[in-house]
Amino acid sequence: ELERQQGGIGTRGGAGEAQIEIDRRMIEDRIKSVKARLERVKKQRRTQRRARERNETFRVSLVGYTNAGKSTLFNALVKARSYAADQLFATLDTTTRQLYLEEAGRAVSLSDTVGFIRDLPHKLVEAFEATLQEAADADLLLHVVDCASPVLDEQMAEVERVLDEIDAGRIPQVLVFNKVDKLEPSQRPRALRDLIERSGGQRVPRVFVSAIDGTGLAELRQVLTEAVAGTLHPEEALPEAHDARFAEPEALPMPSTGTHDSQA
């Protein structure tokens, strides 16, 4: 491959340079195609947002670091098939479905967004801005976290940074600690729902779930029901995180002080 790109050992130009030019043109054509697709996505999103605003639909967006399991959770909640894969940027545009909440007696608009990543390449910023606009327009964010990740603290911080950049840091959040099925039995939480203290002393509801085996999905739907009804009050009726932590918190890296209660 190196020889092909360089035109062969000991040569100047030749077939290698011609192939590089062909590759460059193919990449440029691909970039143009992606930009055109993104513009169509933007227009579609604007039309859908205006329709939801007219209907006063409660809007919920899934956000989180890449590979946190957002699309799998989205599928589990709405029983639909959003593309889910264990790879970077498996979801490049935004998928939106109606999620009916029986206890609330109404549906909410649930959107799956692209996974966040640290040091996003500049050429991808435009694509991410187009898809993340759905998060900036949400009434509630479900911040999905891979609770089995050894670097979840850094991943959560990066998500918060991006949310601040798109002016979505002000939107109410529920932390959804996904992939609890990947934890050892000794690491499992004692309660599927509790409160967690974030920066600034704000307490946020947290739900432990498994999008694979369904653990915690009923609790998550209850949180959504309370949010729609306006009865989701983080300061009331839930145990503090230090009262319902993992059985062995030292076995699982947890967010540091400022994003999680430091008491074991």
C-alpha atoms as a PDB file:
ATOM      1  CA  GLU A   1       0.000   0.000   0.000  1.00  0.00           C
ATOM      2  CA  LEU A   2       2.851   2.381   0.839  1.00  0.00           C
ATOM      3  CA  GLU A   3       4.557   1.619  -2.465  1.00  0.00           C
ATOM      4  CA  ARG A   4       1.275   2.159  -4.300  1.00  0.00           C
ATOM      5  CA  GLN A   5       0.856   5.586  -2.754  1.00  0.00           C
ATOM      6  CA  GLN A   6       4.490   6.570  -3.321  1.00  0.00           C
ATOM      7  CA  GLY A   7       4.606   5.312  -6.912  1.00  0.00           C
ATOM      8  CA  GLY A   8       6.969   2.472  -6.078  1.00  0.00           C
ATOM      9  CA  ILE A   9      10.400   2.387  -4.509  1.00  0.00           C
ATOM     10  CA  GLY A  10      12.879   4.717  -6.170  1.00  0.00           C
ATOM     11  CA  THR A  11      10.364   6.413  -8.455  1.00  0.00           C
ATOM     12  CA  ARG A  12       8.983   9.914  -8.732  1.00  0.00           C
ATOM     13  CA  GLY A  13       5.282  10.242  -9.494  1.00  0.00           C
ATOM     14  CA  GLY A  14       3.856   7.494 -11.633  1.00  0.00           C
ATOM     15  CA  ALA A  15       0.853   5.329 -10.819  1.00  0.00           C
ATOM     16  CA  GLY A  16       1.135   6.033  -7.104  1.00  0.00           C
ATOM     17  CA  GLU A  17       0.564   9.772  -7.469  1.00  0.00           C
ATOM     18  CA  ALA A  18      -2.291   9.145  -9.911  1.00  0.00           C
ATOM     19  CA  GLN A  19      -3.966   6.851  -7.405  1.00  0.00           C
ATOM     20  CA  ILE A  20      -3.536   9.421  -4.636  1.00  0.00           C
ATOM     21  CA  GLU A  21      -5.273  12.017  -6.813  1.00  0.00           C
ATOM     22  CA  ILE A  22      -8.130   9.593  -7.506  1.00  0.00           C
ATOM     23  CA  ASP A  23      -8.439   8.856  -3.793  1.00  0.00           C
ATOM     24  CA  ARG A  24      -8.439  12.575  -2.991  1.00  0.00           C
ATOM     25  CA  ARG A  25     -11.244  13.243  -5.461  1.00  0.00           C
ATOM     26  CA  MET A  26     -13.253  10.335  -4.076  1.00  0.00           C
ATOM     27  CA  ILE A  27     -12.863  11.726  -0.552  1.00  0.00           C
ATOM     28  CA  GLU A  28     -13.901  15.202  -1.702  1.00  0.00           C
ATOM     29  CA  ASP A  29     -16.972  13.761  -3.426  1.00  0.00           C
ATOM     30  CA  ARG A  30     -17.823  11.840  -0.278  1.00  0.00           C
ATOM     31  CA  ILE A  31     -17.501  14.990   1.841  1.00  0.00           C
ATOM     32  CA  LYS A  32     -19.849  16.847  -0.522  1.00  0.00           C
ATOM     33  CA  SER A  33     -22.336  13.993  -0.329  1.00  0.00           C
ATOM     34  CA  VAL A  34     -22.228  13.936   3.476  1.00  0.00           C
ATOM     35  CA  LYS A  35     -22.667  17.719   3.658  1.00  0.00           C
ATOM     36  CA  ALA A  36     -25.704  17.519   1.377  1.00  0.00           C
ATOM     37  CA  ARG A  37     -27.143  14.761   3.544  1.00  0.00           C
ATOM     38  CA  LEU A  38     -26.534  16.807   6.686  1.00  0.00           C
ATOM     39  CA  GLU A  39     -28.344  19.783   5.183  1.00  0.00           C
ATOM     40  CA  ARG A  40     -31.333  17.551   4.464  1.00  0.00           C
ATOM     41  CA  VAL A  41     -31.169  16.239   8.031  1.00  0.00           C
ATOM     42  CA  LYS A  42     -31.114  19.808   9.391  1.00  0.00           C
ATOM     43  CA  LYS A  43     -34.204  20.745   7.393  1.00  0.00           C
ATOM     44  CA  GLN A  44     -35.995  17.578   8.478  1.00  0.00           C
ATOM     45  CA  ARG A  45     -35.110  18.201  12.113  1.00  0.00           C
ATOM     46  CA  ARG A  46     -36.372  21.800  11.917  1.00  0.00           C
ATOM     47  CA  THR A  47     -39.662  20.629  10.431  1.00  0.00           C
ATOM     48  CA  GLN A  48     -40.078  17.949  13.089  1.00  0.00           C
ATOM     49  CA  ARG A  49     -39.201  20.355  15.913  1.00  0.00           C
ATOM     50  CA  ARG A  50     -41.755  22.877  14.720  1.00  0.00           C
ATOM     51  CA  ALA A  51     -44.408  20.154  14.570  1.00  0.00           C
ATOM     52  CA  ARG A  52     -43.585  18.980  18.105  1.00  0.00           C
ATOM     53  CA  GLU A  53     -43.665  22.543  19.393  1.00  0.00           C
ATOM     54  CA  ARG A  54     -47.111  23.030  17.884  1.00  0.00           C
ATOM     55  CA  ASN A  55     -48.292  19.814  19.522  1.00  0.00           C
ATOM     56  CA  GLU A  56     -46.558  20.688  22.816  1.00  0.00           C
ATOM     57  CA  THR A  57     -44.805  17.307  22.820  1.00  0.00           C
ATOM     58  CA  PHE A  58     -42.479  16.632  25.765  1.00  0.00           C
ATOM     59  CA  ARG A  59     -39.049  16.046  24.227  1.00  0.00           C
ATOM     60  CA  VAL A  60     -36.507  13.608  25.660  1.00  0.00           C
ATOM     61  CA  SER A  61     -33.039  13.081  24.175  1.00  0.00           C
ATOM     62  CA  LEU A  62     -30.534  10.337  24.889  1.00  0.00           C
ATOM     63  CA  VAL A  63     -27.001  11.692  25.183  1.00  0.00           C
ATOM     64  CA  GLY A  64     -23.762  10.082  26.267  1.00  0.00           C
ATOM     65  CA  TYR A  65     -20.266   9.035  25.365  1.00  0.00           C
ATOM     66  CA  THR A  66     -19.869   6.791  22.349  1.00  0.00           C
ATOM     67  CA  ASN A  67     -20.560   3.085  23.038  1.00  0.00           C
ATOM     68  CA  ALA A  68     -22.520   3.850  26.209  1.00  0.00           C
ATOM     69  CA  GLY A  69     -25.396   1.835  24.755  1.00  0.00           C
ATOM     70  CA  LYS A  70     -27.738   4.677  23.816  1.00  0.00           C
ATOM     71  CA  SER A  71     -29.136   3.079  20.668  1.00  0.00           C
ATOM     72  CA  THR A  72     -29.649  -0.264  22.401  1.00  0.00           C
ATOM     73  CA  LEU A  73     -31.475   1.513  25.216  1.00  0.00           C
ATOM     74  CA  PHE A  74     -33.497   3.500  22.682  1.00  0.00           C
ATOM     75  CA  ASN A  75     -34.534   0.253  20.994  1.00  0.00           C
ATOM     76  CA  ALA A  76     -35.449  -1.343  24.319  1.00  0.00           C
ATOM     77  CA  LEU A  77     -37.665   1.590  25.286  1.00  0.00           C
ATOM     78  CA  VAL A  78     -39.530   2.105  22.018  1.00  0.00           C
ATOM     79  CA  LYS A  79     -39.318  -1.469  20.692  1.00  0.00           C
ATOM     80  CA  ALA A  80     -37.936  -0.091  17.433  1.00  0.00           C
ATOM     81  CA  ARG A  81     -34.732  -0.715  15.527  1.00  0.00           C
ATOM     82  CA  SER A  82     -32.285   2.145  15.624  1.00  0.00           C
ATOM     83  CA  TYR A  83     -28.860   1.077  14.359  1.00  0.00           C
ATOM     84  CA  ALA A  84     -26.787  -0.136  17.292  1.00  0.00           C
ATOM     85  CA  ALA A  85     -23.186  -1.314  17.058  1.00  0.00           C
ATOM     86  CA  ASP A  86     -20.172  -1.463  19.340  1.00  0.00           C
ATOM     87  CA  GLN A  87     -18.131   1.020  17.332  1.00  0.00           C
ATOM     88  CA  LEU A  88     -17.438   4.738  17.130  1.00  0.00           C
ATOM     89  CA  PHE A  89     -20.168   6.902  15.633  1.00  0.00           C
ATOM     90  CA  ALA A  90     -22.560   4.023  14.925  1.00  0.00           C
ATOM     91  CA  THR A  91     -25.329   6.640  15.018  1.00  0.00           C
ATOM     92  CA  LEU A  92     -24.540   9.651  12.824  1.00  0.00           C
ATOM     93  CA  ASP A  93     -27.966  11.195  12.493  1.00  0.00           C
ATOM     94  CA  THR A  94     -30.800  11.530  14.956  1.00  0.00           C
ATOM     95  CA  THR A  95     -33.574   8.961  15.265  1.00  0.00           C
ATOM     96  CA  THR A  96     -36.825  10.084  16.900  1.00  0.00           C
ATOM     97  CA  ARG A  97     -39.771   7.929  17.967  1.00  0.00           C
ATOM     98  CA  GLN A  98     -42.874   8.320  20.082  1.00  0.00           C
ATOM     99  CA  LEU A  99     -42.682   6.587  23.473  1.00  0.00           C
ATOM    100  CA  TYR A 100     -46.052   6.030  25.134  1.00  0.00           C
ATOM    101  CA  LEU A 101     -46.043   6.184  28.932  1.00  0.00           C
ATOM    102  CA  GLU A 102     -49.039   4.316  30.296  1.00  0.00           C
ATOM    103  CA  GLU A 103     -49.073   5.908  33.742  1.00  0.00           C
ATOM    104  CA  ALA A 104     -48.746   9.393  32.271  1.00  0.00           C
ATOM    105  CA  GLY A 105     -51.443   8.691  29.717  1.00  0.00           C
ATOM    106  CA  ARG A 106     -49.455  10.352  26.960  1.00  0.00           C
ATOM    107  CA  ALA A 107     -46.504   9.933  24.638  1.00  0.00           C
ATOM    108  CA  VAL A 108     -43.161  11.683  24.681  1.00  0.00           C
ATOM    109  CA  SER A 109     -40.773  12.291  21.825  1.00  0.00           C
ATOM    110  CA  LEU A 110     -37.609  10.210  22.370  1.00  0.00           C
ATOM    111  CA  SER A 111     -34.495  10.970  20.316  1.00  0.00           C
ATOM    112  CA  ASP A 112     -31.266   9.006  19.994  1.00  0.00           C
ATOM    113  CA  THR A 113     -28.228  11.172  19.239  1.00  0.00           C
ATOM    114  CA  VAL A 114     -24.658  10.586  18.117  1.00  0.00           C
ATOM    115  CA  GLY A 115     -22.153   9.415  20.718  1.00  0.00           C
ATOM    116  CA  PHE A 116     -19.791  12.016  22.130  1.00  0.00           C
ATOM    117  CA  ILE A 117     -16.033  11.593  21.949  1.00  0.00           C
ATOM    118  CA  ARG A 118     -13.032  13.490  23.225  1.00  0.00           C
ATOM    119  CA  ASP A 119     -11.043  15.709  20.819  1.00  0.00           C
ATOM    120  CA  LEU A 120     -13.616  15.549  18.038  1.00  0.00           C
ATOM    121  CA  PRO A 121     -11.924  16.121  14.634  1.00  0.00           C
ATOM    122  CA  HIS A 122     -12.800  19.528  13.216  1.00  0.00           C
ATOM    123  CA  LYS A 123     -14.214  18.074   9.986  1.00  0.00           C
ATOM    124  CA  LEU A 124     -16.805  16.164  12.019  1.00  0.00           C
ATOM    125  CA  VAL A 125     -17.922  19.122  14.106  1.00  0.00           C
ATOM    126  CA  GLU A 126     -20.532  20.214  11.561  1.00  0.00           C
ATOM    127  CA  ALA A 127     -22.048  16.733  11.452  1.00  0.00           C
ATOM    128  CA  PHE A 128     -22.222  16.529  15.208  1.00  0.00           C
ATOM    129  CA  GLU A 129     -23.723  19.989  15.553  1.00  0.00           C
ATOM    130  CA  ALA A 130     -26.503  19.003  13.167  1.00  0.00           C
ATOM    131  CA  THR A 131     -27.415  15.891  15.112  1.00  0.00           C
ATOM    132  CA  LEU A 132     -26.837  17.282  18.598  1.00  0.00           C
ATOM    133  CA  GLN A 133     -29.263  20.135  17.983  1.00  0.00           C
ATOM    134  CA  GLU A 134     -31.942  17.652  19.034  1.00  0.00           C
ATOM    135  CA  ALA A 135     -30.349  17.515  22.481  1.00  0.00           C
ATOM    136  CA  ALA A 136     -30.210  21.301  22.756  1.00  0.00           C
ATOM    137  CA  ASP A 137     -33.962  21.484  22.089  1.00  0.00           C
ATOM    138  CA  ALA A 138     -34.957  18.767  24.586  1.00  0.00           C
ATOM    139  CA  ASP A 139     -37.046  19.206  27.723  1.00  0.00           C
ATOM    140  CA  LEU A 140     -35.141  16.379  29.461  1.00  0.00           C
ATOM    141  CA  LEU A 141     -31.798  14.691  28.814  1.00  0.00           C
ATOM    142  CA  LEU A 142     -31.141  11.055  29.609  1.00  0.00           C
ATOM    143  CA  HIS A 143     -27.360  11.054  30.098  1.00  0.00           C
ATOM    144  CA  VAL A 144     -26.441   7.430  29.380  1.00  0.00           C
ATOM    145  CA  VAL A 145     -23.250   6.186  31.057  1.00  0.00           C
ATOM    146  CA  ASP A 146     -21.439   2.876  30.621  1.00  0.00           C
ATOM    147  CA  CYS A 147     -21.239   1.974  34.305  1.00  0.00           C
ATOM    148  CA  ALA A 148     -18.760  -0.825  33.535  1.00  0.00           C
ATOM    149  CA  SER A 149     -16.278   1.551  31.909  1.00  0.00           C
ATOM    150  CA  PRO A 150     -12.999   2.062  33.796  1.00  0.00           C
ATOM    151  CA  VAL A 151     -12.957   5.702  32.650  1.00  0.00           C
ATOM    152  CA  LEU A 152     -16.590   6.699  33.164  1.00  0.00           C
ATOM    153  CA  ASP A 153     -15.553   9.801  35.113  1.00  0.00           C
ATOM    154  CA  GLU A 154     -13.666  11.213  32.118  1.00  0.00           C
ATOM    155  CA  GLN A 155     -16.444  10.215  29.729  1.00  0.00           C
ATOM    156  CA  MET A 156     -19.117  11.909  31.837  1.00  0.00           C
ATOM    157  CA  ALA A 157     -17.006  15.067  32.036  1.00  0.00           C
ATOM    158  CA  GLU A 158     -16.579  15.135  28.265  1.00  0.00           C
ATOM    159  CA  VAL A 159     -20.320  14.779  27.723  1.00  0.00           C
ATOM    160  CA  GLU A 160     -20.957  17.653  30.130  1.00  0.00           C
ATOM    161  CA  ARG A 161     -18.402  19.786  28.276  1.00  0.00           C
ATOM    162  CA  VAL A 162     -20.092  19.180  24.921  1.00  0.00           C
ATOM    163  CA  LEU A 163     -23.525  19.857  26.406  1.00  0.00           C
ATOM    164  CA  ASP A 164     -22.268  23.189  27.706  1.00  0.00           C
ATOM    165  CA  GLU A 165     -20.868  24.021  24.254  1.00  0.00           C
ATOM    166  CA  ILE A 166     -24.241  23.486  22.567  1.00  0.00           C
ATOM    167  CA  ASP A 167     -26.076  25.345  25.354  1.00  0.00           C
ATOM    168  CA  ALA A 168     -27.695  22.156  26.640  1.00  0.00           C
ATOM    169  CA  GLY A 169     -26.058  22.142  30.065  1.00  0.00           C
ATOM    170  CA  ARG A 170     -29.064  24.024  31.456  1.00  0.00           C
ATOM    171  CA  ILE A 171     -31.514  21.232  30.515  1.00  0.00           C
ATOM    172  CA  PRO A 172     -32.660  18.912  33.351  1.00  0.00           C
ATOM    173  CA  GLN A 173     -30.882  15.562  33.358  1.00  0.00           C
ATOM    174  CA  VAL A 174     -31.398  12.032  34.544  1.00  0.00           C
ATOM    175  CA  LEU A 175     -28.270   9.893  34.765  1.00  0.00           C
ATOM    176  CA  VAL A 176     -28.834   6.440  33.291  1.00  0.00           C
ATOM    177  CA  PHE A 177     -26.078   4.032  34.333  1.00  0.00           C
ATOM    178  CA  ASN A 178     -26.372   1.410  31.592  1.00  0.00           C
ATOM    179  CA  LYS A 179     -24.745  -2.035  31.174  1.00  0.00           C
ATOM    180  CA  VAL A 180     -25.333  -3.086  34.780  1.00  0.00           C
ATOM    181  CA  ASP A 181     -25.480  -6.633  33.370  1.00  0.00           C
ATOM    182  CA  LYS A 182     -21.730  -6.410  32.736  1.00  0.00           C
ATOM    183  CA  LEU A 183     -20.946  -5.927  36.421  1.00  0.00           C
ATOM    184  CA  GLU A 184     -19.915  -8.731  38.710  1.00  0.00           C
ATOM    185  CA  PRO A 185     -22.592  -9.687  41.274  1.00  0.00           C
ATOM    186  CA  SER A 186     -20.503  -8.072  44.019  1.00  0.00           C
ATOM    187  CA  GLN A 187     -20.494  -4.788  42.059  1.00  0.00           C
ATOM    188  CA  ARG A 188     -24.244  -4.550  41.499  1.00  0.00           C
ATOM    189  CA  PRO A 189     -26.007  -1.526  43.054  1.00  0.00           C
ATOM    190  CA  ARG A 190     -28.171  -2.083  46.114  1.00  0.00           C
ATOM    191  CA  ALA A 191     -30.940   0.075  44.597  1.00  0.00           C
ATOM    192  CA  LEU A 192     -31.818   0.702  40.958  1.00  0.00           C
ATOM    193  CA  ARG A 193     -32.712   4.328  41.606  1.00  0.00           C
ATOM    194  CA  ASP A 194     -31.086   6.950  43.808  1.00  0.00           C
ATOM    195  CA  LEU A 195     -29.738  10.502  43.836  1.00  0.00           C
ATOM    196  CA  ILE A 196     -26.268  11.606  42.838  1.00  0.00           C
ATOM    197  CA  GLU A 197     -24.656  14.947  43.633  1.00  0.00           C
ATOM    198  CA  ARG A 198     -23.243  16.825  40.676  1.00  0.00           C
ATOM    199  CA  SER A 199     -21.058  19.910  40.396  1.00  0.00           C
ATOM    200  CA  GLY A 200     -22.514  22.921  42.153  1.00  0.00           C
ATOM    201  CA  GLY A 201     -24.237  20.728  44.714  1.00  0.00           C
ATOM    202  CA  GLN A 202     -27.148  19.897  42.426  1.00  0.00           C
ATOM    203  CA  ARG A 203     -28.710  16.488  43.048  1.00  0.00           C
ATOM    204  CA  VAL A 204     -29.796  14.509  40.003  1.00  0.00           C
ATOM    205  CA  PRO A 205     -31.858  11.304  39.744  1.00  0.00           C
ATOM    206  CA  ARG A 206     -29.851   8.257  38.723  1.00  0.00           C
ATOM    207  CA  VAL A 207     -31.213   4.967  37.404  1.00  0.00           C
ATOM    208  CA  PHE A 208     -29.240   1.756  36.902  1.00  0.00           C
ATOM    209  CA  VAL A 209     -30.385  -0.211  33.857  1.00  0.00           C
ATOM    210  CA  SER A 210     -29.471  -2.934  31.431  1.00  0.00           C
ATOM    211  CA  ALA A 211     -30.761  -2.325  27.937  1.00  0.00           C
ATOM    212  CA  ILE A 212     -29.903  -5.966  27.218  1.00  0.00           C
ATOM    213  CA  ASP A 213     -31.834  -7.827  29.931  1.00  0.00           C
ATOM    214  CA  GLY A 214     -34.346  -5.112  30.859  1.00  0.00           C
ATOM    215  CA  THR A 215     -33.129  -4.442  34.391  1.00  0.00           C
ATOM    216  CA  GLY A 216     -34.238  -1.005  35.587  1.00  0.00           C
ATOM    217  CA  LEU A 217     -36.336  -0.117  32.533  1.00  0.00           C
ATOM    218  CA  ALA A 218     -39.517   0.044  34.617  1.00  0.00           C
ATOM    219  CA  GLU A 219     -37.790   2.471  36.995  1.00  0.00           C
ATOM    220  CA  LEU A 220     -36.598   4.556  34.051  1.00  0.00           C
ATOM    221  CA  ARG A 221     -40.096   4.746  32.581  1.00  0.00           C
ATOM    222  CA  GLN A 222     -41.351   5.852  36.002  1.00  0.00           C
ATOM    223  CA  VAL A 223     -38.771   8.650  36.031  1.00  0.00           C
ATOM    224  CA  LEU A 224     -39.984   9.761  32.600  1.00  0.00           C
ATOM    225  CA  THR A 225     -43.588   9.658  33.804  1.00  0.00           C
ATOM    226  CA  GLU A 226     -42.711  11.887  36.762  1.00  0.00           C
ATOM    227  CA  ALA A 227     -40.793  14.279  34.511  1.00  0.00           C
ATOM    228  CA  VAL A 228     -43.754  14.639  32.151  1.00  0.00           C
ATOM    229  CA  ALA A 229     -46.124  15.199  35.068  1.00  0.00           C
ATOM    230  CA  GLY A 230     -43.800  17.762  36.628  1.00  0.00           C
ATOM    231  CA  THR A 231     -43.409  15.677  39.782  1.00  0.00           C
ATOM    232  CA  LEU A 232     -39.751  14.707  39.356  1.00  0.00           C
ATOM    233  CA  HIS A 233     -38.217  16.370  42.430  1.00  0.00           C
ATOM    234  CA  PRO A 234     -34.596  15.220  42.970  1.00  0.00           C
ATOM    235  CA  GLU A 235     -34.557  16.635  46.493  1.00  0.00           C
ATOM    236  CA  GLU A 236     -37.346  14.377  47.737  1.00  0.00           C
ATOM    237  CA  ALA A 237     -38.240  10.752  48.334  1.00  0.00           C
ATOM    238  CA  LEU A 238     -35.084   9.073  47.052  1.00  0.00           C
ATOM    239  CA  PRO A 239     -32.060   7.666  48.896  1.00  0.00           C
ATOM    240  CA  GLU A 240     -28.775   9.505  48.609  1.00  0.00           C
ATOM    241  CA  ALA A 241     -26.125   7.808  46.502  1.00  0.00           C
ATOM    242  CA  HIS A 242     -24.010   6.905  49.537  1.00  0.00           C
ATOM    243  CA  ASP A 243     -26.995   4.943  50.931  1.00  0.00           C
ATOM    244  CA  ALA A 244     -27.474   2.912  47.777  1.00  0.00           C
ATOM    245  CA  ARG A 245     -24.049   2.467  46.300  1.00  0.00           C
ATOM    246  CA  PHE A 246     -22.426  -0.487  44.681  1.00  0.00           C
ATOM    247  CA  ALA A 247     -21.764  -3.318  47.080  1.00  0.00           C
ATOM    248  CA  GLU A 248     -18.036  -2.839  46.528  1.00  0.00           C
ATOM    249  CA  PRO A 249     -17.606   0.702  45.188  1.00  0.00           C
ATOM    250  CA  GLU A 250     -13.829   0.411  45.134  1.00  0.00           C
ATOM    251  CA  ALA A 251     -14.127  -2.388  42.573  1.00  0.00           C
ATOM    252  CA  LEU A 252     -15.743  -0.037  40.059  1.00  0.00           C
ATOM    253  CA  PRO A 253     -14.289   3.379  39.197  1.00  0.00           C
ATOM    254  CA  MET A 254     -16.864   6.026  40.044  1.00  0.00           C
ATOM    255  CA  PRO A 255     -16.995   9.772  39.348  1.00  0.00           C
ATOM    256  CA  SER A 256     -14.787  11.850  41.607  1.00  0.00           C
ATOM    257  CA  THR A 257     -15.901  14.498  44.093  1.00  0.00           C
ATOM    258  CA  GLY A 258     -18.147  16.986  42.352  1.00  0.00           C
ATOM    259  CA  THR A 259     -19.834  14.375  40.197  1.00  0.00           C
ATOM    260  CA  HIS A 260     -20.532  11.758  42.847  1.00  0.00           C
ATOM    261  CA  ASP A 261     -20.891  11.580  46.594  1.00  0.00           C
ATOM    262  CA  SER A 262     -17.463  10.628  47.966  1.00  0.00           C
ATOM    263  CA  GLN A 263     -18.744   8.596  50.899  1.00  0.00           C
ATOM    264  CA  ALA A 264     -18.399   4.838  50.498  1.00  0.00           C
END
